[in-house]
Structure formats: structure tokens, C-alpha cells
Amino acid sequence: MIATAAAFTAVCVLGAWGRTGVIATLDRPAFPAGTLLVNCLGSAAAGALHVRLDGAASTVAVVGALGALTTFSTFSTQIADDLHERRRWRALANGVATVTGCVAAATLGAALAG
């Protein structure tokens, strides 16, 4: 149990650092490409790991590392900010790209791993 908790903590830190670096590098005022990228990559990896792992390994990998890498809260606040600032087309584009991209990526990841 302690080893699982330590592994979970370590991969959460690594995932969060990775997310922060990608978003800081790629997000721009025109479009939050970094947020979209981490969410789609994380979804692809989650789809793949979901079919390959079970139990504690699945929890550590999918919930810990990929949960820390991906960011629904940042995506949500970006959409809310866009709507507040009347950037409706950007909000729509980001919402559609993220939801369809993440579901497609998870499906592809699962298919490739299965």
C-alpha cells in the first residue's frame, strides 16, 4: 500500500510538471494548443493503459500520471474566459476540438493497445 501511494505521488508530480511545461510552451492568445495537446495525448495513453492494466497499476498510471498530465479544469476555465470575453468561435472551436479529439484519442489508444 505504501509503495503504491509513493508511486502514485511520484507520477502525479511528473504528470503535473509535464502539463505545466507543455501549456507554458504552446498555449497562445489565439488558441490554447498546449491544453488541447496534453488532454488528447493523455486520453490516448489512458485508452491504451485502460485495456492493458488493472488494479493498482491502472490507478497509478491512469488516475495518477495521466490525471495530473491532463487538465479538465484549465480547459473549462479557458472556455468560460472565452465566453466571458465574447470569443464565442474560439470557445466553440476549443470545446469541439477537445471533446472530439480526446474521445477519438482514447478510442485509438485502446484499439492500438488491444
PDB file of N, CA and C in Angstrom:
ATOM      1  N   MET A   1       0.812  -1.188   0.000  1.00  0.00           N
ATOM      2  CA  MET A   1       0.000   0.000   0.000  1.00  0.00           C
ATOM      3  C   MET A   1       0.860   1.259   0.000  1.00  0.00           C
ATOM      4  N   ILE A   2       1.911   1.270   0.814  1.00  0.00           N
ATOM      5  CA  ILE A   2       2.790   2.439   0.879  1.00  0.00           C
ATOM      6  C   ILE A   2       3.536   2.613  -0.446  1.00  0.00           C
ATOM      7  N   ALA A   3       3.973   1.519  -1.043  1.00  0.00           N
ATOM      8  CA  ALA A   3       4.668   1.607  -2.329  1.00  0.00           C
ATOM      9  C   ALA A   3       3.740   2.157  -3.411  1.00  0.00           C
ATOM     10  N   THR A   4       2.487   1.740  -3.404  1.00  0.00           N
ATOM     11  CA  THR A   4       1.518   2.254  -4.374  1.00  0.00           C
ATOM     12  C   THR A   4       1.289   3.741  -4.156  1.00  0.00           C
ATOM     13  N   ALA A   5       1.163   4.160  -2.920  1.00  0.00           N
ATOM     14  CA  ALA A   5       0.959   5.576  -2.613  1.00  0.00           C
ATOM     15  C   ALA A   5       2.164   6.405  -3.033  1.00  0.00           C
ATOM     16  N   ALA A   6       3.358   5.895  -2.806  1.00  0.00           N
ATOM     17  CA  ALA A   6       4.569   6.614  -3.205  1.00  0.00           C
ATOM     18  C   ALA A   6       4.661   6.711  -4.726  1.00  0.00           C
ATOM     19  N   ALA A   7       4.356   5.615  -5.421  1.00  0.00           N
ATOM     20  CA  ALA A   7       4.370   5.634  -6.878  1.00  0.00           C
ATOM     21  C   ALA A   7       3.317   6.599  -7.407  1.00  0.00           C
ATOM     22  N   PHE A   8       2.142   6.580  -6.820  1.00  0.00           N
ATOM     23  CA  PHE A   8       1.063   7.490  -7.227  1.00  0.00           C
ATOM     24  C   PHE A   8       1.504   8.937  -7.081  1.00  0.00           C
ATOM     25  N   THR A   9       2.101   9.272  -5.946  1.00  0.00           N
ATOM     26  CA  THR A   9       2.576  10.637  -5.701  1.00  0.00           C
ATOM     27  C   THR A   9       3.643  11.041  -6.709  1.00  0.00           C
ATOM     28  N   ALA A  10       4.579  10.157  -6.960  1.00  0.00           N
ATOM     29  CA  ALA A  10       5.671  10.469  -7.894  1.00  0.00           C
ATOM     30  C   ALA A  10       5.152  10.715  -9.304  1.00  0.00           C
ATOM     31  N   VAL A  11       4.251   9.869  -9.787  1.00  0.00           N
ATOM     32  CA  VAL A  11       3.769  10.056 -11.152  1.00  0.00           C
ATOM     33  C   VAL A  11       2.848  11.262 -11.257  1.00  0.00           C
ATOM     34  N   CYS A  12       2.157  11.603 -10.180  1.00  0.00           N
ATOM     35  CA  CYS A  12       1.353  12.833 -10.189  1.00  0.00           C
ATOM     36  C   CYS A  12       2.239  14.057 -10.364  1.00  0.00           C
ATOM     37  N   VAL A  13       3.339  14.087  -9.647  1.00  0.00           N
ATOM     38  CA  VAL A  13       4.272  15.210  -9.771  1.00  0.00           C
ATOM     39  C   VAL A  13       4.829  15.289 -11.188  1.00  0.00           C
ATOM     40  N   LEU A  14       5.239  14.160 -11.737  1.00  0.00           N
ATOM     41  CA  LEU A  14       5.778  14.154 -13.101  1.00  0.00           C
ATOM     42  C   LEU A  14       4.731  14.587 -14.127  1.00  0.00           C
ATOM     43  N   GLY A  15       3.513  14.097 -13.975  1.00  0.00           N
ATOM     44  CA  GLY A  15       2.449  14.490 -14.890  1.00  0.00           C
ATOM     45  C   GLY A  15       2.152  15.981 -14.824  1.00  0.00           C
ATOM     46  N   ALA A  16       2.093  16.523 -13.624  1.00  0.00           N
ATOM     47  CA  ALA A  16       1.814  17.951 -13.459  1.00  0.00           C
ATOM     48  C   ALA A  16       2.948  18.807 -14.029  1.00  0.00           C
ATOM     49  N   TRP A  17       4.182  18.392 -13.811  1.00  0.00           N
ATOM     50  CA  TRP A  17       5.305  19.133 -14.395  1.00  0.00           C
ATOM     51  C   TRP A  17       5.252  19.103 -15.918  1.00  0.00           C
ATOM     52  N   GLY A  18       4.960  17.943 -16.462  1.00  0.00           N
ATOM     53  CA  GLY A  18       4.853  17.832 -17.917  1.00  0.00           C
ATOM     54  C   GLY A  18       3.763  18.731 -18.470  1.00  0.00           C
ATOM     55  N   ARG A  19       2.594  18.706 -17.843  1.00  0.00           N
ATOM     56  CA  ARG A  19       1.481  19.555 -18.275  1.00  0.00           C
ATOM     57  C   ARG A  19       1.863  21.020 -18.222  1.00  0.00           C
ATOM     58  N   THR A  20       2.456  21.434 -17.135  1.00  0.00           N
ATOM     59  CA  THR A  20       2.823  22.841 -16.974  1.00  0.00           C
ATOM     60  C   THR A  20       3.791  23.284 -18.061  1.00  0.00           C
ATOM     61  N   GLY A  21       4.772  22.448 -18.368  1.00  0.00           N
ATOM     62  CA  GLY A  21       5.745  22.791 -19.407  1.00  0.00           C
ATOM     63  C   GLY A  21       5.122  22.885 -20.783  1.00  0.00           C
ATOM     64  N   VAL A  22       4.275  21.936 -21.128  1.00  0.00           N
ATOM     65  CA  VAL A  22       3.639  21.937 -22.457  1.00  0.00           C
ATOM     66  C   VAL A  22       2.716  23.138 -22.599  1.00  0.00           C
ATOM     67  N   ILE A  23       1.898  23.396 -21.590  1.00  0.00           N
ATOM     68  CA  ILE A  23       0.962  24.522 -21.671  1.00  0.00           C
ATOM     69  C   ILE A  23       1.713  25.844 -21.732  1.00  0.00           C
ATOM     70  N   ALA A  24       2.746  25.985 -20.931  1.00  0.00           N
ATOM     71  CA  ALA A  24       3.523  27.233 -20.952  1.00  0.00           C
ATOM     72  C   ALA A  24       4.191  27.453 -22.304  1.00  0.00           C
ATOM     73  N   THR A  25       4.576  26.373 -22.951  1.00  0.00           N
ATOM     74  CA  THR A  25       5.264  26.474 -24.238  1.00  0.00           C
ATOM     75  C   THR A  25       4.303  26.705 -25.401  1.00  0.00           C
ATOM     76  N   LEU A  26       3.158  26.028 -25.395  1.00  0.00           N
ATOM     77  CA  LEU A  26       2.310  26.018 -26.588  1.00  0.00           C
ATOM     78  C   LEU A  26       1.041  26.868 -26.526  1.00  0.00           C
ATOM     79  N   ASP A  27       0.513  27.155 -25.333  1.00  0.00           N
ATOM     80  CA  ASP A  27      -0.697  27.974 -25.283  1.00  0.00           C
ATOM     81  C   ASP A  27      -0.385  29.391 -25.753  1.00  0.00           C
ATOM     82  N   ARG A  28      -1.247  29.913 -26.591  1.00  0.00           N
ATOM     83  CA  ARG A  28      -1.092  31.257 -27.136  1.00  0.00           C
ATOM     84  C   ARG A  28      -2.421  32.002 -27.009  1.00  0.00           C
ATOM     85  N   PRO A  29      -2.397  33.319 -27.087  1.00  0.00           N
ATOM     86  CA  PRO A  29      -3.660  34.066 -27.038  1.00  0.00           C
ATOM     87  C   PRO A  29      -4.643  33.656 -28.138  1.00  0.00           C
ATOM     88  N   ALA A  30      -4.133  33.227 -29.268  1.00  0.00           N
ATOM     89  CA  ALA A  30      -5.020  32.845 -30.372  1.00  0.00           C
ATOM     90  C   ALA A  30      -5.751  31.531 -30.099  1.00  0.00           C
ATOM     91  N   PHE A  31      -5.091  30.579 -29.438  1.00  0.00           N
ATOM     92  CA  PHE A  31      -5.711  29.276 -29.174  1.00  0.00           C
ATOM     93  C   PHE A  31      -4.862  28.507 -28.156  1.00  0.00           C
ATOM     94  N   PRO A  32      -5.512  27.809 -27.212  1.00  0.00           N
ATOM     95  CA  PRO A  32      -4.788  27.050 -26.178  1.00  0.00           C
ATOM     96  C   PRO A  32      -4.329  25.669 -26.674  1.00  0.00           C
ATOM     97  N   ALA A  33      -3.402  25.657 -27.602  1.00  0.00           N
ATOM     98  CA  ALA A  33      -2.948  24.404 -28.213  1.00  0.00           C
ATOM     99  C   ALA A  33      -2.269  23.470 -27.211  1.00  0.00           C
ATOM    100  N   GLY A  34      -1.582  24.009 -26.235  1.00  0.00           N
ATOM    101  CA  GLY A  34      -0.919  23.169 -25.235  1.00  0.00           C
ATOM    102  C   GLY A  34      -1.913  22.395 -24.396  1.00  0.00           C
ATOM    103  N   THR A  35      -2.982  23.050 -23.988  1.00  0.00           N
ATOM    104  CA  THR A  35      -4.018  22.378 -23.212  1.00  0.00           C
ATOM    105  C   THR A  35      -4.672  21.284 -24.044  1.00  0.00           C
ATOM    106  N   LEU A  36      -4.972  21.594 -25.287  1.00  0.00           N
ATOM    107  CA  LEU A  36      -5.554  20.590 -26.183  1.00  0.00           C
ATOM    108  C   LEU A  36      -4.608  19.410 -26.354  1.00  0.00           C
ATOM    109  N   LEU A  37      -3.334  19.667 -26.540  1.00  0.00           N
ATOM    110  CA  LEU A  37      -2.351  18.605 -26.751  1.00  0.00           C
ATOM    111  C   LEU A  37      -2.238  17.691 -25.536  1.00  0.00           C
ATOM    112  N   VAL A  38      -2.093  18.245 -24.335  1.00  0.00           N
ATOM    113  CA  VAL A  38      -1.942  17.371 -23.160  1.00  0.00           C
ATOM    114  C   VAL A  38      -3.207  16.558 -22.917  1.00  0.00           C
ATOM    115  N   ASN A  39      -4.362  17.147 -23.180  1.00  0.00           N
ATOM    116  CA  ASN A  39      -5.604  16.404 -22.971  1.00  0.00           C
ATOM    117  C   ASN A  39      -5.756  15.280 -23.989  1.00  0.00           C
ATOM    118  N   CYS A  40      -5.409  15.521 -25.237  1.00  0.00           N
ATOM    119  CA  CYS A  40      -5.510  14.463 -26.253  1.00  0.00           C
ATOM    120  C   CYS A  40      -4.460  13.378 -26.053  1.00  0.00           C
ATOM    121  N   LEU A  41      -3.225  13.756 -25.775  1.00  0.00           N
ATOM    122  CA  LEU A  41      -2.180  12.751 -25.523  1.00  0.00           C
ATOM    123  C   LEU A  41      -2.499  11.921 -24.281  1.00  0.00           C
ATOM    124  N   GLY A  42      -2.951  12.588 -23.237  1.00  0.00           N
ATOM    125  CA  GLY A  42      -3.324  11.875 -22.019  1.00  0.00           C
ATOM    126  C   GLY A  42      -4.490  10.925 -22.251  1.00  0.00           C
ATOM    127  N   SER A  43      -5.441  11.337 -23.083  1.00  0.00           N
ATOM    128  CA  SER A  43      -6.579  10.468 -23.398  1.00  0.00           C
ATOM    129  C   SER A  43      -6.144   9.252 -24.200  1.00  0.00           C
ATOM    130  N   ALA A  44      -5.238   9.445 -25.143  1.00  0.00           N
ATOM    131  CA  ALA A  44      -4.725   8.312 -25.924  1.00  0.00           C
ATOM    132  C   ALA A  44      -4.003   7.317 -25.015  1.00  0.00           C
ATOM    133  N   ALA A  45      -3.164   7.841 -24.147  1.00  0.00           N
ATOM    134  CA  ALA A  45      -2.441   6.960 -23.220  1.00  0.00           C
ATOM    135  C   ALA A  45      -3.406   6.284 -22.243  1.00  0.00           C
ATOM    136  N   ALA A  46      -4.411   7.001 -21.773  1.00  0.00           N
ATOM    137  CA  ALA A  46      -5.393   6.406 -20.860  1.00  0.00           C
ATOM    138  C   ALA A  46      -6.160   5.286 -21.547  1.00  0.00           C
ATOM    139  N   GLY A  47      -6.534   5.502 -22.808  1.00  0.00           N
ATOM    140  CA  GLY A  47      -7.223   4.444 -23.543  1.00  0.00           C
ATOM    141  C   GLY A  47      -6.367   3.198 -23.661  1.00  0.00           C
ATOM    142  N   ALA A  48      -5.087   3.399 -23.965  1.00  0.00           N
ATOM    143  CA  ALA A  48      -4.174   2.263 -24.108  1.00  0.00           C
ATOM    144  C   ALA A  48      -3.946   1.551 -22.771  1.00  0.00           C
ATOM    145  N   LEU A  49      -3.691   2.305 -21.734  1.00  0.00           N
ATOM    146  CA  LEU A  49      -3.403   1.704 -20.433  1.00  0.00           C
ATOM    147  C   LEU A  49      -4.634   1.074 -19.809  1.00  0.00           C
ATOM    148  N   HIS A  50      -5.791   1.617 -20.115  1.00  0.00           N
ATOM    149  CA  HIS A  50      -7.034   1.066 -19.567  1.00  0.00           C
ATOM    150  C   HIS A  50      -7.246  -0.388 -19.993  1.00  0.00           C
ATOM    151  N   VAL A  51      -6.860  -0.704 -21.213  1.00  0.00           N
ATOM    152  CA  VAL A  51      -7.046  -2.085 -21.674  1.00  0.00           C
ATOM    153  C   VAL A  51      -5.872  -2.989 -21.290  1.00  0.00           C
ATOM    154  N   ARG A  52      -4.760  -2.410 -20.889  1.00  0.00           N
ATOM    155  CA  ARG A  52      -3.565  -3.201 -20.563  1.00  0.00           C
ATOM    156  C   ARG A  52      -3.342  -3.430 -19.075  1.00  0.00           C
ATOM    157  N   LEU A  53      -3.806  -2.530 -18.242  1.00  0.00           N
ATOM    158  CA  LEU A  53      -3.512  -2.601 -16.808  1.00  0.00           C
ATOM    159  C   LEU A  53      -4.779  -2.817 -16.005  1.00  0.00           C
ATOM    160  N   ASP A  54      -4.611  -3.321 -14.783  1.00  0.00           N
ATOM    161  CA  ASP A  54      -5.730  -3.405 -13.864  1.00  0.00           C
ATOM    162  C   ASP A  54      -5.223  -3.168 -12.450  1.00  0.00           C
ATOM    163  N   GLY A  55      -6.135  -2.999 -11.547  1.00  0.00           N
ATOM    164  CA  GLY A  55      -5.784  -2.836 -10.144  1.00  0.00           C
ATOM    165  C   GLY A  55      -4.961  -1.599  -9.857  1.00  0.00           C
ATOM    166  N   ALA A  56      -3.989  -1.761  -8.951  1.00  0.00           N
ATOM    167  CA  ALA A  56      -3.169  -0.638  -8.509  1.00  0.00           C
ATOM    168  C   ALA A  56      -2.361  -0.039  -9.645  1.00  0.00           C
ATOM    169  N   ALA A  57      -1.877  -0.864 -10.567  1.00  0.00           N
ATOM    170  CA  ALA A  57      -1.090  -0.336 -11.693  1.00  0.00           C
ATOM    171  C   ALA A  57      -1.932   0.600 -12.545  1.00  0.00           C
ATOM    172  N   SER A  58      -3.177   0.246 -12.767  1.00  0.00           N
ATOM    173  CA  SER A  58      -4.077   1.098 -13.537  1.00  0.00           C
ATOM    174  C   SER A  58      -4.333   2.411 -12.809  1.00  0.00           C
ATOM    175  N   THR A  59      -4.566   2.325 -11.519  1.00  0.00           N
ATOM    176  CA  THR A  59      -4.825   3.526 -10.728  1.00  0.00           C
ATOM    177  C   THR A  59      -3.627   4.461 -10.763  1.00  0.00           C
ATOM    178  N   VAL A  60      -2.440   3.925 -10.554  1.00  0.00           N
ATOM    179  CA  VAL A  60      -1.236   4.755 -10.557  1.00  0.00           C
ATOM    180  C   VAL A  60      -1.035   5.396 -11.919  1.00  0.00           C
ATOM    181  N   ALA A  61      -1.138   4.614 -12.979  1.00  0.00           N
ATOM    182  CA  ALA A  61      -0.848   5.129 -14.315  1.00  0.00           C
ATOM    183  C   ALA A  61      -1.943   6.049 -14.840  1.00  0.00           C
ATOM    184  N   VAL A  62      -3.177   5.576 -14.812  1.00  0.00           N
ATOM    185  CA  VAL A  62      -4.259   6.334 -15.445  1.00  0.00           C
ATOM    186  C   VAL A  62      -4.725   7.492 -14.570  1.00  0.00           C
ATOM    187  N   VAL A  63      -5.018   7.227 -13.316  1.00  0.00           N
ATOM    188  CA  VAL A  63      -5.520   8.289 -12.449  1.00  0.00           C
ATOM    189  C   VAL A  63      -4.383   9.206 -12.011  1.00  0.00           C
ATOM    190  N   GLY A  64      -3.254   8.624 -11.625  1.00  0.00           N
ATOM    191  CA  GLY A  64      -2.146   9.430 -11.123  1.00  0.00           C
ATOM    192  C   GLY A  64      -1.430  10.213 -12.199  1.00  0.00           C
ATOM    193  N   ALA A  65      -0.680   9.533 -13.018  1.00  0.00           N
ATOM    194  CA  ALA A  65       0.146  10.222 -14.017  1.00  0.00           C
ATOM    195  C   ALA A  65      -0.694  10.956 -15.045  1.00  0.00           C
ATOM    196  N   LEU A  66      -1.666  10.267 -15.628  1.00  0.00           N
ATOM    197  CA  LEU A  66      -2.436  10.890 -16.703  1.00  0.00           C
ATOM    198  C   LEU A  66      -3.463  11.871 -16.164  1.00  0.00           C
ATOM    199  N   GLY A  67      -3.964  11.628 -14.971  1.00  0.00           N
ATOM    200  CA  GLY A  67      -4.853  12.599 -14.348  1.00  0.00           C
ATOM    201  C   GLY A  67      -4.140  13.897 -14.031  1.00  0.00           C
ATOM    202  N   ALA A  68      -2.887  13.804 -13.663  1.00  0.00           N
ATOM    203  CA  ALA A  68      -2.098  15.002 -13.391  1.00  0.00           C
ATOM    204  C   ALA A  68      -1.624  15.670 -14.676  1.00  0.00           C
ATOM    205  N   LEU A  69      -1.405  14.877 -15.713  1.00  0.00           N
ATOM    206  CA  LEU A  69      -0.983  15.437 -17.002  1.00  0.00           C
ATOM    207  C   LEU A  69      -2.129  16.189 -17.667  1.00  0.00           C
ATOM    208  N   THR A  70      -3.299  15.579 -17.702  1.00  0.00           N
ATOM    209  CA  THR A  70      -4.442  16.201 -18.367  1.00  0.00           C
ATOM    210  C   THR A  70      -5.087  17.227 -17.447  1.00  0.00           C
ATOM    211  N   THR A  71      -5.904  18.098 -18.027  1.00  0.00           N
ATOM    212  CA  THR A  71      -6.470  19.159 -17.215  1.00  0.00           C
ATOM    213  C   THR A  71      -7.833  19.602 -17.698  1.00  0.00           C
ATOM    214  N   PHE A  72      -8.861  19.042 -17.098  1.00  0.00           N
ATOM    215  CA  PHE A  72     -10.218  19.462 -17.427  1.00  0.00           C
ATOM    216  C   PHE A  72     -10.498  20.851 -16.865  1.00  0.00           C
ATOM    217  N   SER A  73      -9.947  21.162 -15.705  1.00  0.00           N
ATOM    218  CA  SER A  73     -10.213  22.464 -15.085  1.00  0.00           C
ATOM    219  C   SER A  73      -9.652  23.616 -15.925  1.00  0.00           C
ATOM    220  N   THR A  74      -8.461  23.464 -16.464  1.00  0.00           N
ATOM    221  CA  THR A  74      -7.907  24.521 -17.311  1.00  0.00           C
ATOM    222  C   THR A  74      -8.733  24.670 -18.583  1.00  0.00           C
ATOM    223  N   PHE A  75      -9.089  23.545 -19.205  1.00  0.00           N
ATOM    224  CA  PHE A  75      -9.948  23.560 -20.386  1.00  0.00           C
ATOM    225  C   PHE A  75     -11.248  24.301 -20.072  1.00  0.00           C
ATOM    226  N   SER A  76     -11.873  23.983 -18.962  1.00  0.00           N
ATOM    227  CA  SER A  76     -13.149  24.599 -18.594  1.00  0.00           C
ATOM    228  C   SER A  76     -13.028  26.097 -18.369  1.00  0.00           C
ATOM    229  N   THR A  77     -11.981  26.512 -17.666  1.00  0.00           N
ATOM    230  CA  THR A  77     -11.826  27.947 -17.419  1.00  0.00           C
ATOM    231  C   THR A  77     -11.441  28.697 -18.689  1.00  0.00           C
ATOM    232  N   GLN A  78     -10.727  28.054 -19.603  1.00  0.00           N
ATOM    233  CA  GLN A  78     -10.430  28.704 -20.881  1.00  0.00           C
ATOM    234  C   GLN A  78     -11.713  28.952 -21.667  1.00  0.00           C
ATOM    235  N   ILE A  79     -12.605  27.968 -21.681  1.00  0.00           N
ATOM    236  CA  ILE A  79     -13.896  28.129 -22.358  1.00  0.00           C
ATOM    237  C   ILE A  79     -14.695  29.241 -21.672  1.00  0.00           C
ATOM    238  N   ALA A  80     -14.754  29.207 -20.346  1.00  0.00           N
ATOM    239  CA  ALA A  80     -15.503  30.233 -19.608  1.00  0.00           C
ATOM    240  C   ALA A  80     -14.936  31.629 -19.869  1.00  0.00           C
ATOM    241  N   ASP A  81     -13.618  31.758 -19.866  1.00  0.00           N
ATOM    242  CA  ASP A  81     -12.995  33.055 -20.174  1.00  0.00           C
ATOM    243  C   ASP A  81     -13.338  33.517 -21.580  1.00  0.00           C
ATOM    244  N   ASP A  82     -13.273  32.597 -22.544  1.00  0.00           N
ATOM    245  CA  ASP A  82     -13.606  32.952 -23.928  1.00  0.00           C
ATOM    246  C   ASP A  82     -15.052  33.430 -24.032  1.00  0.00           C
ATOM    247  N   LEU A  83     -15.959  32.749 -23.373  1.00  0.00           N
ATOM    248  CA  LEU A  83     -17.359  33.157 -23.422  1.00  0.00           C
ATOM    249  C   LEU A  83     -17.559  34.507 -22.748  1.00  0.00           C
ATOM    250  N   HIS A  84     -16.882  34.710 -21.626  1.00  0.00           N
ATOM    251  CA  HIS A  84     -16.977  35.994 -20.926  1.00  0.00           C
ATOM    252  C   HIS A  84     -16.443  37.139 -21.786  1.00  0.00           C
ATOM    253  N   GLU A  85     -15.387  36.870 -22.510  1.00  0.00           N
ATOM    254  CA  GLU A  85     -14.763  37.889 -23.379  1.00  0.00           C
ATOM    255  C   GLU A  85     -15.397  37.942 -24.770  1.00  0.00           C
ATOM    256  N   ARG A  86     -16.494  37.219 -24.947  1.00  0.00           N
ATOM    257  CA  ARG A  86     -17.251  37.187 -26.207  1.00  0.00           C
ATOM    258  C   ARG A  86     -16.454  36.621 -27.386  1.00  0.00           C
ATOM    259  N   ARG A  87     -15.542  35.705 -27.066  1.00  0.00           N
ATOM    260  CA  ARG A  87     -14.811  34.984 -28.123  1.00  0.00           C
ATOM    261  C   ARG A  87     -15.531  33.653 -28.343  1.00  0.00           C
ATOM    262  N   ARG A  88     -16.737  33.738 -28.842  1.00  0.00           N
ATOM    263  CA  ARG A  88     -17.597  32.558 -28.961  1.00  0.00           C
ATOM    264  C   ARG A  88     -17.036  31.517 -29.920  1.00  0.00           C
ATOM    265  N   TRP A  89     -16.491  31.952 -31.038  1.00  0.00           N
ATOM    266  CA  TRP A  89     -15.964  30.999 -32.024  1.00  0.00           C
ATOM    267  C   TRP A  89     -14.761  30.248 -31.471  1.00  0.00           C
ATOM    268  N   ARG A  90     -13.919  30.948 -30.728  1.00  0.00           N
ATOM    269  CA  ARG A  90     -12.770  30.282 -30.124  1.00  0.00           C
ATOM    270  C   ARG A  90     -13.242  29.290 -29.062  1.00  0.00           C
ATOM    271  N   ALA A  91     -14.223  29.676 -28.261  1.00  0.00           N
ATOM    272  CA  ALA A  91     -14.771  28.773 -27.249  1.00  0.00           C
ATOM    273  C   ALA A  91     -15.365  27.531 -27.907  1.00  0.00           C
ATOM    274  N   LEU A  92     -16.111  27.732 -28.966  1.00  0.00           N
ATOM    275  CA  LEU A  92     -16.712  26.603 -29.672  1.00  0.00           C
ATOM    276  C   LEU A  92     -15.641  25.706 -30.286  1.00  0.00           C
ATOM    277  N   ALA A  93     -14.669  26.311 -30.949  1.00  0.00           N
ATOM    278  CA  ALA A  93     -13.593  25.529 -31.579  1.00  0.00           C
ATOM    279  C   ALA A  93     -12.822  24.727 -30.537  1.00  0.00           C
ATOM    280  N   ASN A  94     -12.501  25.348 -29.416  1.00  0.00           N
ATOM    281  CA  ASN A  94     -11.764  24.667 -28.354  1.00  0.00           C
ATOM    282  C   ASN A  94     -12.598  23.535 -27.765  1.00  0.00           C
ATOM    283  N   GLY A  95     -13.871  23.781 -27.509  1.00  0.00           N
ATOM    284  CA  GLY A  95     -14.734  22.755 -26.946  1.00  0.00           C
ATOM    285  C   GLY A  95     -14.895  21.557 -27.867  1.00  0.00           C
ATOM    286  N   VAL A  96     -15.161  21.826 -29.129  1.00  0.00           N
ATOM    287  CA  VAL A  96     -15.344  20.736 -30.094  1.00  0.00           C
ATOM    288  C   VAL A  96     -14.038  19.975 -30.305  1.00  0.00           C
ATOM    289  N   ALA A  97     -12.946  20.710 -30.479  1.00  0.00           N
ATOM    290  CA  ALA A  97     -11.649  20.056 -30.708  1.00  0.00           C
ATOM    291  C   ALA A  97     -11.235  19.206 -29.512  1.00  0.00           C
ATOM    292  N   THR A  98     -11.447  19.695 -28.311  1.00  0.00           N
ATOM    293  CA  THR A  98     -11.033  18.954 -27.124  1.00  0.00           C
ATOM    294  C   THR A  98     -11.896  17.714 -26.903  1.00  0.00           C
ATOM    295  N   VAL A  99     -13.193  17.876 -26.949  1.00  0.00           N
ATOM    296  CA  VAL A  99     -14.063  16.727 -26.672  1.00  0.00           C
ATOM    297  C   VAL A  99     -13.909  15.658 -27.755  1.00  0.00           C
ATOM    298  N   THR A 100     -14.008  16.044 -29.021  1.00  0.00           N
ATOM    299  CA  THR A 100     -13.889  15.040 -30.086  1.00  0.00           C
ATOM    300  C   THR A 100     -12.472  14.487 -30.153  1.00  0.00           C
ATOM    301  N   GLY A 101     -11.484  15.349 -29.976  1.00  0.00           N
ATOM    302  CA  GLY A 101     -10.093  14.899 -30.018  1.00  0.00           C
ATOM    303  C   GLY A 101      -9.763  13.922 -28.909  1.00  0.00           C
ATOM    304  N   CYS A 102     -10.232  14.194 -27.697  1.00  0.00           N
ATOM    305  CA  CYS A 102      -9.936  13.317 -26.566  1.00  0.00           C
ATOM    306  C   CYS A 102     -10.649  11.972 -26.680  1.00  0.00           C
ATOM    307  N   VAL A 103     -11.904  11.994 -27.102  1.00  0.00           N
ATOM    308  CA  VAL A 103     -12.626  10.728 -27.254  1.00  0.00           C
ATOM    309  C   VAL A 103     -11.993   9.901 -28.380  1.00  0.00           C
ATOM    310  N   ALA A 104     -11.668  10.554 -29.483  1.00  0.00           N
ATOM    311  CA  ALA A 104     -11.018   9.843 -30.592  1.00  0.00           C
ATOM    312  C   ALA A 104      -9.658   9.304 -30.165  1.00  0.00           C
ATOM    313  N   ALA A 105      -8.900  10.090 -29.412  1.00  0.00           N
ATOM    314  CA  ALA A 105      -7.580   9.656 -28.959  1.00  0.00           C
ATOM    315  C   ALA A 105      -7.685   8.473 -28.006  1.00  0.00           C
ATOM    316  N   ALA A 106      -8.634   8.504 -27.080  1.00  0.00           N
ATOM    317  CA  ALA A 106      -8.818   7.378 -26.158  1.00  0.00           C
ATOM    318  C   ALA A 106      -9.219   6.122 -26.903  1.00  0.00           C
ATOM    319  N   THR A 107     -10.093   6.275 -27.884  1.00  0.00           N
ATOM    320  CA  THR A 107     -10.532   5.139 -28.690  1.00  0.00           C
ATOM    321  C   THR A 107      -9.372   4.549 -29.482  1.00  0.00           C
ATOM    322  N   LEU A 108      -8.579   5.421 -30.074  1.00  0.00           N
ATOM    323  CA  LEU A 108      -7.411   4.975 -30.838  1.00  0.00           C
ATOM    324  C   LEU A 108      -6.387   4.295 -29.927  1.00  0.00           C
ATOM    325  N   GLY A 109      -6.122   4.889 -28.782  1.00  0.00           N
ATOM    326  CA  GLY A 109      -5.183   4.307 -27.833  1.00  0.00           C
ATOM    327  C   GLY A 109      -5.613   2.910 -27.404  1.00  0.00           C
ATOM    328  N   ALA A 110      -6.903   2.753 -27.110  1.00  0.00           N
ATOM    329  CA  ALA A 110      -7.418   1.439 -26.715  1.00  0.00           C
ATOM    330  C   ALA A 110      -7.324   0.440 -27.856  1.00  0.00           C
ATOM    331  N   ALA A 111      -7.632   0.890 -29.065  1.00  0.00           N
ATOM    332  CA  ALA A 111      -7.577  -0.018 -30.225  1.00  0.00           C
ATOM    333  C   ALA A 111      -6.150  -0.456 -30.505  1.00  0.00           C
ATOM    334  N   LEU A 112      -5.208   0.444 -30.399  1.00  0.00           N
ATOM    335  CA  LEU A 112      -3.806   0.101 -30.655  1.00  0.00           C
ATOM    336  C   LEU A 112      -3.236  -0.823 -29.578  1.00  0.00           C
ATOM    337  N   ALA A 113      -3.687  -0.636 -28.345  1.00  0.00           N
ATOM    338  CA  ALA A 113      -3.183  -1.460 -27.251  1.00  0.00           C
ATOM    339  C   ALA A 113      -3.874  -2.811 -27.165  1.00  0.00           C
ATOM    340  N   GLY A 114      -5.094  -2.886 -27.701  1.00  0.00           N
ATOM    341  CA  GLY A 114      -5.881  -4.124 -27.589  1.00  0.00           C
ATOM    342  C   GLY A 114      -5.512  -5.079 -28.652  1.00  0.00           C
TER     343      GLY A 114
END
